[in-house]
Amino acid sequence: MSIRFISQKIAQQIDEELMSSSGAFSLDQLMELAGLACAQAVAKTYPVNTHPRVLVCCGPGNQGGDGLVAARHLHHFRYKPTIYLPKPGSKDIYQRLLKQCENLEIPVLKSIEELEKGVKETDVILDAIFGFSFHPPLRRPFDRILALLGSSSAPILSIDIPSGWDVERGRQKLETEPDENGKVDVVETFVPDALISLTVPKKGVREFKGRHWLGGRFVPDALAKKLELNLPEYGGVDQVVELSAKL
């Protein structure tokens, strides 16, 4: 049986069950496991000897938290990560993850101007901006951010769902919120070169053609069986398994 691609509703259900009293996972645990899987996906797709510089672009939500965890692990994998953080998350867990990266002296960029320079000086971009909870319209300055990433010559590896894509329908054009003059812009979302789905792949990436990894080596067998997820076997001690070779 082939792996199941799930809806946003099922994805939310899985997260809720994992963090319920019976699932017993904390958000910290899940974010750590997800971020480690993301770092492994980078390492397997873009080896450190050929792609040492990684620009980790983090949004303000849990997706950005996964990116911060990945940046920390990439540092320990001997990469040279740089974090782009236009709008830091306010939750305590986010602040702690950021502090851990700062303790490792991982550079943090905050302005659009720094991003413009950063995308020209990196070997890989890790897209951790928006997750499966994203809903249009697109807030500024994220319109400029997505455009910059899309125009970069560096390969992009997206986490879970490429930023701005619809979780169930896939790539889409996005409208921005109206500016002070009421003007609305239309933004093209980019197609990444590689992708790591977290927990279970979403319906919106079913047709993705690049290298596709899965990071979910923590889903309880009983939950996978109940929801008929048909998850693949992971090899050795890997936290990721390549789906593009299995679909």
C-alpha atoms as a PDB file:
ATOM      1  CA  MET A   1       0.000   0.000   0.000  1.00  0.00           C
ATOM      2  CA  SER A   2       1.272   3.489  -0.836  1.00  0.00           C
ATOM      3  CA  ILE A   3       1.689   6.175   1.779  1.00  0.00           C
ATOM      4  CA  ARG A   4      -1.353   8.318   2.528  1.00  0.00           C
ATOM      5  CA  PHE A   5      -1.326  12.038   1.705  1.00  0.00           C
ATOM      6  CA  ILE A   6      -3.422  13.805   4.307  1.00  0.00           C
ATOM      7  CA  SER A   7      -5.710  16.832   4.584  1.00  0.00           C
ATOM      8  CA  GLN A   8      -5.173  19.805   6.863  1.00  0.00           C
ATOM      9  CA  LYS A   9      -7.879  18.461   9.173  1.00  0.00           C
ATOM     10  CA  ILE A  10      -6.107  15.106   9.592  1.00  0.00           C
ATOM     11  CA  ALA A  11      -2.761  16.860  10.091  1.00  0.00           C
ATOM     12  CA  GLN A  12      -4.270  18.898  12.919  1.00  0.00           C
ATOM     13  CA  GLN A  13      -5.839  15.763  14.391  1.00  0.00           C
ATOM     14  CA  ILE A  14      -2.467  13.994  14.416  1.00  0.00           C
ATOM     15  CA  ASP A  15      -0.802  16.914  16.207  1.00  0.00           C
ATOM     16  CA  GLU A  16      -3.619  17.034  18.761  1.00  0.00           C
ATOM     17  CA  GLU A  17      -3.434  13.304  19.432  1.00  0.00           C
ATOM     18  CA  LEU A  18       0.350  13.363  19.759  1.00  0.00           C
ATOM     19  CA  MET A  19       0.149  16.160  22.362  1.00  0.00           C
ATOM     20  CA  SER A  20      -2.895  14.795  24.185  1.00  0.00           C
ATOM     21  CA  SER A  21      -2.661  13.126  27.594  1.00  0.00           C
ATOM     22  CA  SER A  22      -2.625   9.728  25.884  1.00  0.00           C
ATOM     23  CA  GLY A  23      -0.052  10.738  23.256  1.00  0.00           C
ATOM     24  CA  ALA A  24       2.094  12.418  25.939  1.00  0.00           C
ATOM     25  CA  PHE A  25       4.397  14.374  23.584  1.00  0.00           C
ATOM     26  CA  SER A  26       5.243  17.986  24.364  1.00  0.00           C
ATOM     27  CA  LEU A  27       5.579  20.689  21.711  1.00  0.00           C
ATOM     28  CA  ASP A  28       9.280  20.939  22.602  1.00  0.00           C
ATOM     29  CA  GLN A  29       9.797  17.254  21.856  1.00  0.00           C
ATOM     30  CA  LEU A  30       7.981  17.347  18.529  1.00  0.00           C
ATOM     31  CA  MET A  31       9.805  20.490  17.434  1.00  0.00           C
ATOM     32  CA  GLU A  32      13.164  18.981  18.346  1.00  0.00           C
ATOM     33  CA  LEU A  33      12.451  15.778  16.429  1.00  0.00           C
ATOM     34  CA  ALA A  34      11.130  17.723  13.426  1.00  0.00           C
ATOM     35  CA  GLY A  35      14.099  20.108  13.368  1.00  0.00           C
ATOM     36  CA  LEU A  36      16.597  17.248  13.611  1.00  0.00           C
ATOM     37  CA  ALA A  37      14.870  15.522  10.687  1.00  0.00           C
ATOM     38  CA  CYS A  38      15.048  18.749   8.671  1.00  0.00           C
ATOM     39  CA  ALA A  39      18.773  19.070   9.339  1.00  0.00           C
ATOM     40  CA  GLN A  40      19.283  15.460   8.255  1.00  0.00           C
ATOM     41  CA  ALA A  41      17.325  16.102   5.053  1.00  0.00           C
ATOM     42  CA  VAL A  42      19.618  19.033   4.272  1.00  0.00           C
ATOM     43  CA  ALA A  43      22.693  16.911   4.972  1.00  0.00           C
ATOM     44  CA  LYS A  44      21.505  14.045   2.779  1.00  0.00           C
ATOM     45  CA  THR A  45      20.482  16.308  -0.097  1.00  0.00           C
ATOM     46  CA  TYR A  46      23.225  18.935   0.063  1.00  0.00           C
ATOM     47  CA  PRO A  47      26.404  17.526   1.696  1.00  0.00           C
ATOM     48  CA  VAL A  48      28.478  19.842   3.837  1.00  0.00           C
ATOM     49  CA  ASN A  49      31.551  19.496   1.615  1.00  0.00           C
ATOM     50  CA  THR A  50      29.683  20.982  -1.372  1.00  0.00           C
ATOM     51  CA  HIS A  51      27.002  23.155   0.291  1.00  0.00           C
ATOM     52  CA  PRO A  52      28.398  24.389   3.626  1.00  0.00           C
ATOM     53  CA  ARG A  53      26.458  27.678   3.844  1.00  0.00           C
ATOM     54  CA  VAL A  54      22.757  27.327   4.723  1.00  0.00           C
ATOM     55  CA  LEU A  55      20.362  30.259   4.988  1.00  0.00           C
ATOM     56  CA  VAL A  56      17.542  29.212   7.329  1.00  0.00           C
ATOM     57  CA  CYS A  57      14.506  31.453   6.750  1.00  0.00           C
ATOM     58  CA  CYS A  58      12.189  31.299   9.758  1.00  0.00           C
ATOM     59  CA  GLY A  59       8.632  32.516  10.169  1.00  0.00           C
ATOM     60  CA  PRO A  60       7.094  33.439  13.543  1.00  0.00           C
ATOM     61  CA  GLY A  61       5.179  30.190  14.126  1.00  0.00           C
ATOM     62  CA  ASN A  62       6.008  26.553  14.834  1.00  0.00           C
ATOM     63  CA  GLN A  63       7.457  26.179  11.336  1.00  0.00           C
ATOM     64  CA  GLY A  64      10.023  28.829  12.243  1.00  0.00           C
ATOM     65  CA  GLY A  65      10.743  26.960  15.473  1.00  0.00           C
ATOM     66  CA  ASP A  66      11.522  23.835  13.432  1.00  0.00           C
ATOM     67  CA  GLY A  67      13.911  25.988  11.405  1.00  0.00           C
ATOM     68  CA  LEU A  68      15.706  27.223  14.516  1.00  0.00           C
ATOM     69  CA  VAL A  69      16.172  23.661  15.750  1.00  0.00           C
ATOM     70  CA  ALA A  70      17.462  22.673  12.302  1.00  0.00           C
ATOM     71  CA  ALA A  71      19.931  25.586  12.312  1.00  0.00           C
ATOM     72  CA  ARG A  72      21.340  24.415  15.655  1.00  0.00           C
ATOM     73  CA  HIS A  73      21.783  20.849  14.434  1.00  0.00           C
ATOM     74  CA  LEU A  74      23.305  22.034  11.154  1.00  0.00           C
ATOM     75  CA  HIS A  75      25.887  23.956  13.171  1.00  0.00           C
ATOM     76  CA  HIS A  76      26.808  20.749  14.989  1.00  0.00           C
ATOM     77  CA  PHE A  77      26.919  18.941  11.629  1.00  0.00           C
ATOM     78  CA  ARG A  78      29.694  21.442  10.718  1.00  0.00           C
ATOM     79  CA  TYR A  79      27.597  23.536   8.354  1.00  0.00           C
ATOM     80  CA  LYS A  80      27.694  27.331   8.525  1.00  0.00           C
ATOM     81  CA  PRO A  81      24.044  28.278   9.065  1.00  0.00           C
ATOM     82  CA  THR A  82      22.701  31.820   9.008  1.00  0.00           C
ATOM     83  CA  ILE A  83      19.193  32.554  10.265  1.00  0.00           C
ATOM     84  CA  TYR A  84      16.854  35.045   8.621  1.00  0.00           C
ATOM     85  CA  LEU A  85      14.228  36.127  11.133  1.00  0.00           C
ATOM     86  CA  PRO A  86      11.973  38.966   9.931  1.00  0.00           C
ATOM     87  CA  LYS A  87       9.433  38.569  12.736  1.00  0.00           C
ATOM     88  CA  PRO A  88      10.482  36.523  15.800  1.00  0.00           C
ATOM     89  CA  GLY A  89       7.822  34.399  17.457  1.00  0.00           C
ATOM     90  CA  SER A  90       6.601  35.575  20.854  1.00  0.00           C
ATOM     91  CA  LYS A  91       6.196  32.181  22.537  1.00  0.00           C
ATOM     92  CA  ASP A  92       8.660  31.195  25.247  1.00  0.00           C
ATOM     93  CA  ILE A  93       9.742  28.096  23.313  1.00  0.00           C
ATOM     94  CA  TYR A  94      10.630  30.243  20.294  1.00  0.00           C
ATOM     95  CA  GLN A  95      12.685  32.630  22.406  1.00  0.00           C
ATOM     96  CA  ARG A  96      14.568  29.733  23.992  1.00  0.00           C
ATOM     97  CA  LEU A  97      15.335  28.169  20.616  1.00  0.00           C
ATOM     98  CA  LEU A  98      16.615  31.498  19.327  1.00  0.00           C
ATOM     99  CA  LYS A  99      18.796  31.929  22.427  1.00  0.00           C
ATOM    100  CA  GLN A 100      20.300  28.466  21.850  1.00  0.00           C
ATOM    101  CA  CYS A 101      21.305  29.536  18.335  1.00  0.00           C
ATOM    102  CA  GLU A 102      22.702  32.841  19.576  1.00  0.00           C
ATOM    103  CA  ASN A 103      24.785  30.932  22.137  1.00  0.00           C
ATOM    104  CA  LEU A 104      26.397  29.121  19.192  1.00  0.00           C
ATOM    105  CA  GLU A 105      27.060  32.498  17.523  1.00  0.00           C
ATOM    106  CA  ILE A 106      24.891  31.619  14.538  1.00  0.00           C
ATOM    107  CA  PRO A 107      24.351  34.908  12.644  1.00  0.00           C
ATOM    108  CA  VAL A 108      20.803  36.276  12.636  1.00  0.00           C
ATOM    109  CA  LEU A 109      19.571  38.546   9.823  1.00  0.00           C
ATOM    110  CA  LYS A 110      16.463  40.659  10.310  1.00  0.00           C
ATOM    111  CA  SER A 111      16.072  43.148   7.458  1.00  0.00           C
ATOM    112  CA  ILE A 112      15.067  42.743   3.817  1.00  0.00           C
ATOM    113  CA  GLU A 113      18.379  44.313   2.830  1.00  0.00           C
ATOM    114  CA  GLU A 114      20.263  41.653   4.767  1.00  0.00           C
ATOM    115  CA  LEU A 115      18.154  38.963   3.104  1.00  0.00           C
ATOM    116  CA  GLU A 116      18.923  40.372  -0.349  1.00  0.00           C
ATOM    117  CA  LYS A 117      22.604  39.941   0.426  1.00  0.00           C
ATOM    118  CA  GLY A 118      22.141  36.624   2.212  1.00  0.00           C
ATOM    119  CA  VAL A 119      20.441  34.826  -0.685  1.00  0.00           C
ATOM    120  CA  LYS A 120      23.446  35.698  -2.875  1.00  0.00           C
ATOM    121  CA  GLU A 121      25.957  34.346  -0.355  1.00  0.00           C
ATOM    122  CA  THR A 122      24.454  30.967   0.530  1.00  0.00           C
ATOM    123  CA  ASP A 123      24.709  27.487  -0.944  1.00  0.00           C
ATOM    124  CA  VAL A 124      21.269  26.303   0.216  1.00  0.00           C
ATOM    125  CA  ILE A 125      18.086  27.920   1.515  1.00  0.00           C
ATOM    126  CA  LEU A 126      15.991  26.114   4.140  1.00  0.00           C
ATOM    127  CA  ASP A 127      12.425  27.413   3.874  1.00  0.00           C
ATOM    128  CA  ALA A 128      10.809  27.429   7.330  1.00  0.00           C
ATOM    129  CA  ILE A 129       8.523  30.431   6.887  1.00  0.00           C
ATOM    130  CA  PHE A 130       4.929  29.159   6.659  1.00  0.00           C
ATOM    131  CA  GLY A 131       3.507  25.796   7.677  1.00  0.00           C
ATOM    132  CA  PHE A 132       0.216  24.010   7.104  1.00  0.00           C
ATOM    133  CA  SER A 133      -1.671  26.552   9.231  1.00  0.00           C
ATOM    134  CA  PHE A 134      -0.974  29.407   6.793  1.00  0.00           C
ATOM    135  CA  HIS A 135      -3.993  31.167   5.274  1.00  0.00           C
ATOM    136  CA  PRO A 136      -4.005  34.037   2.733  1.00  0.00           C
ATOM    137  CA  PRO A 137      -3.830  36.968   2.336  1.00  0.00           C
ATOM    138  CA  LEU A 138      -0.082  37.416   2.524  1.00  0.00           C
ATOM    139  CA  ARG A 139       1.116  40.001   5.012  1.00  0.00           C
ATOM    140  CA  ARG A 140       3.891  42.385   4.124  1.00  0.00           C
ATOM    141  CA  PRO A 141       6.921  42.095   4.075  1.00  0.00           C
ATOM    142  CA  PHE A 142       6.457  38.371   3.359  1.00  0.00           C
ATOM    143  CA  ASP A 143       5.524  39.198  -0.246  1.00  0.00           C
ATOM    144  CA  ARG A 144       9.041  40.543  -0.807  1.00  0.00           C
ATOM    145  CA  ILE A 145      10.557  37.663   1.139  1.00  0.00           C
ATOM    146  CA  LEU A 146       8.902  34.983  -1.014  1.00  0.00           C
ATOM    147  CA  ALA A 147       9.849  36.870  -4.177  1.00  0.00           C
ATOM    148  CA  LEU A 148      13.495  37.057  -3.092  1.00  0.00           C
ATOM    149  CA  LEU A 149      13.652  33.360  -2.289  1.00  0.00           C
ATOM    150  CA  GLY A 150      12.005  32.488  -5.585  1.00  0.00           C
ATOM    151  CA  SER A 151      14.517  34.545  -7.547  1.00  0.00           C
ATOM    152  CA  SER A 152      17.563  33.083  -5.790  1.00  0.00           C
ATOM    153  CA  SER A 153      19.937  30.819  -7.694  1.00  0.00           C
ATOM    154  CA  ALA A 154      20.547  28.747  -4.544  1.00  0.00           C
ATOM    155  CA  PRO A 155      18.532  25.523  -4.212  1.00  0.00           C
ATOM    156  CA  ILE A 156      15.634  25.595  -1.740  1.00  0.00           C
ATOM    157  CA  LEU A 157      14.569  22.810   0.612  1.00  0.00           C
ATOM    158  CA  SER A 158      11.127  23.497   2.085  1.00  0.00           C
ATOM    159  CA  ILE A 159       9.809  22.177   5.371  1.00  0.00           C
ATOM    160  CA  ASP A 160       6.484  20.300   5.301  1.00  0.00           C
ATOM    161  CA  ILE A 161       4.695  22.506   2.755  1.00  0.00           C
ATOM    162  CA  PRO A 162       6.451  25.086   0.547  1.00  0.00           C
ATOM    163  CA  SER A 163       5.740  28.536   1.964  1.00  0.00           C
ATOM    164  CA  GLY A 164       2.495  29.959   0.648  1.00  0.00           C
ATOM    165  CA  TRP A 165       1.220  26.728  -0.925  1.00  0.00           C
ATOM    166  CA  ASP A 166      -2.271  25.507  -0.127  1.00  0.00           C
ATOM    167  CA  VAL A 167      -2.075  22.456   2.107  1.00  0.00           C
ATOM    168  CA  GLU A 168      -4.547  20.511   0.005  1.00  0.00           C
ATOM    169  CA  ARG A 169      -4.406  22.101  -3.469  1.00  0.00           C
ATOM    170  CA  GLY A 170      -0.699  22.826  -3.737  1.00  0.00           C
ATOM    171  CA  ARG A 171       1.009  25.768  -5.389  1.00  0.00           C
ATOM    172  CA  GLN A 172      -1.062  28.923  -5.663  1.00  0.00           C
ATOM    173  CA  LYS A 173      -0.845  32.624  -6.382  1.00  0.00           C
ATOM    174  CA  LEU A 174      -1.266  34.802  -3.317  1.00  0.00           C
ATOM    175  CA  GLU A 175      -2.775  38.215  -2.844  1.00  0.00           C
ATOM    176  CA  THR A 176      -1.269  40.578  -0.298  1.00  0.00           C
ATOM    177  CA  GLU A 177      -3.178  42.496   2.298  1.00  0.00           C
ATOM    178  CA  PRO A 178      -4.127  45.948   0.964  1.00  0.00           C
ATOM    179  CA  ASP A 179      -1.541  48.637   1.623  1.00  0.00           C
ATOM    180  CA  GLU A 180      -2.396  52.101   2.972  1.00  0.00           C
ATOM    181  CA  ASN A 181      -3.665  53.059  -0.493  1.00  0.00           C
ATOM    182  CA  GLY A 182      -5.796  49.937  -0.840  1.00  0.00           C
ATOM    183  CA  LYS A 183      -3.458  48.361  -3.390  1.00  0.00           C
ATOM    184  CA  VAL A 184      -3.302  44.570  -3.513  1.00  0.00           C
ATOM    185  CA  ASP A 185      -0.367  42.766  -5.137  1.00  0.00           C
ATOM    186  CA  VAL A 186      -0.268  39.228  -6.504  1.00  0.00           C
ATOM    187  CA  VAL A 187       2.713  37.057  -5.537  1.00  0.00           C
ATOM    188  CA  GLU A 188       3.861  33.873  -7.254  1.00  0.00           C
ATOM    189  CA  THR A 189       4.875  31.161  -4.808  1.00  0.00           C
ATOM    190  CA  PHE A 190       8.115  29.333  -5.607  1.00  0.00           C
ATOM    191  CA  VAL A 191       8.711  25.652  -6.309  1.00  0.00           C
ATOM    192  CA  PRO A 192      11.498  24.288  -4.079  1.00  0.00           C
ATOM    193  CA  ASP A 193      14.145  21.856  -5.277  1.00  0.00           C
ATOM    194  CA  ALA A 194      13.607  19.516  -2.329  1.00  0.00           C
ATOM    195  CA  LEU A 195      11.049  19.005   0.413  1.00  0.00           C
ATOM    196  CA  ILE A 196      10.819  17.335   3.787  1.00  0.00           C
ATOM    197  CA  SER A 197       7.280  16.435   4.824  1.00  0.00           C
ATOM    198  CA  LEU A 198       6.795  16.228   8.584  1.00  0.00           C
ATOM    199  CA  THR A 199       4.872  13.400  10.252  1.00  0.00           C
ATOM    200  CA  VAL A 200       2.846  12.532   7.122  1.00  0.00           C
ATOM    201  CA  PRO A 201       2.916  14.191   3.658  1.00  0.00           C
ATOM    202  CA  LYS A 202       0.093  16.600   2.867  1.00  0.00           C
ATOM    203  CA  LYS A 203      -2.242  16.439  -0.141  1.00  0.00           C
ATOM    204  CA  GLY A 204      -0.853  19.657  -1.584  1.00  0.00           C
ATOM    205  CA  VAL A 205       2.568  18.122  -2.321  1.00  0.00           C
ATOM    206  CA  ARG A 206       1.349  14.888  -3.936  1.00  0.00           C
ATOM    207  CA  GLU A 207       2.590  16.043  -7.361  1.00  0.00           C
ATOM    208  CA  PHE A 208       5.923  17.429  -6.128  1.00  0.00           C
ATOM    209  CA  LYS A 209       8.713  16.265  -8.445  1.00  0.00           C
ATOM    210  CA  GLY A 210      11.874  17.115  -6.506  1.00  0.00           C
ATOM    211  CA  ARG A 211      13.643  15.063  -3.851  1.00  0.00           C
ATOM    212  CA  HIS A 212      11.067  14.375  -1.183  1.00  0.00           C
ATOM    213  CA  TRP A 213      11.880  13.276   2.348  1.00  0.00           C
ATOM    214  CA  LEU A 214       9.660  12.297   5.268  1.00  0.00           C
ATOM    215  CA  GLY A 215      10.561  13.111   8.860  1.00  0.00           C
ATOM    216  CA  GLY A 216       8.168  11.412  11.245  1.00  0.00           C
ATOM    217  CA  ARG A 217       9.988   8.674  13.075  1.00  0.00           C
ATOM    218  CA  PHE A 218       7.946   9.318  16.198  1.00  0.00           C
ATOM    219  CA  VAL A 219       4.394   8.538  15.074  1.00  0.00           C
ATOM    220  CA  PRO A 220       3.088   5.740  17.320  1.00  0.00           C
ATOM    221  CA  ASP A 221       2.266   2.529  15.480  1.00  0.00           C
ATOM    222  CA  ALA A 222      -1.269   2.510  16.887  1.00  0.00           C
ATOM    223  CA  LEU A 223      -1.978   6.002  15.555  1.00  0.00           C
ATOM    224  CA  ALA A 224      -0.537   5.179  12.137  1.00  0.00           C
ATOM    225  CA  LYS A 225      -2.696   2.053  11.989  1.00  0.00           C
ATOM    226  CA  LYS A 226      -5.876   3.833  13.137  1.00  0.00           C
ATOM    227  CA  LEU A 227      -5.549   6.530  10.466  1.00  0.00           C
ATOM    228  CA  GLU A 228      -4.266   4.105   7.802  1.00  0.00           C
ATOM    229  CA  LEU A 229      -1.197   6.269   7.126  1.00  0.00           C
ATOM    230  CA  ASN A 230       0.822   3.439   5.521  1.00  0.00           C
ATOM    231  CA  LEU A 231       4.108   4.952   6.671  1.00  0.00           C
ATOM    232  CA  PRO A 232       7.365   3.658   5.153  1.00  0.00           C
ATOM    233  CA  GLU A 233      10.156   1.971   7.087  1.00  0.00           C
ATOM    234  CA  TYR A 234      13.074   4.123   8.188  1.00  0.00           C
ATOM    235  CA  GLY A 235      16.586   2.784   7.728  1.00  0.00           C
ATOM    236  CA  GLY A 236      19.198   2.365  10.443  1.00  0.00           C
ATOM    237  CA  VAL A 237      19.146   5.297  12.848  1.00  0.00           C
ATOM    238  CA  ASP A 238      17.950   7.830  10.248  1.00  0.00           C
ATOM    239  CA  GLN A 239      15.266  10.339  11.198  1.00  0.00           C
ATOM    240  CA  VAL A 240      14.272  10.701   7.533  1.00  0.00           C
ATOM    241  CA  VAL A 241      13.290   8.399   4.702  1.00  0.00           C
ATOM    242  CA  GLU A 242      13.243   9.394   1.032  1.00  0.00           C
ATOM    243  CA  LEU A 243       9.784   9.260  -0.490  1.00  0.00           C
ATOM    244  CA  SER A 244      10.745  10.260  -4.027  1.00  0.00           C
ATOM    245  CA  ALA A 245      12.318   6.831  -4.471  1.00  0.00           C
ATOM    246  CA  LYS A 246       9.212   5.048  -3.138  1.00  0.00           C
ATOM    247  CA  LEU A 247       6.177   6.858  -4.584  1.00  0.00           C
END
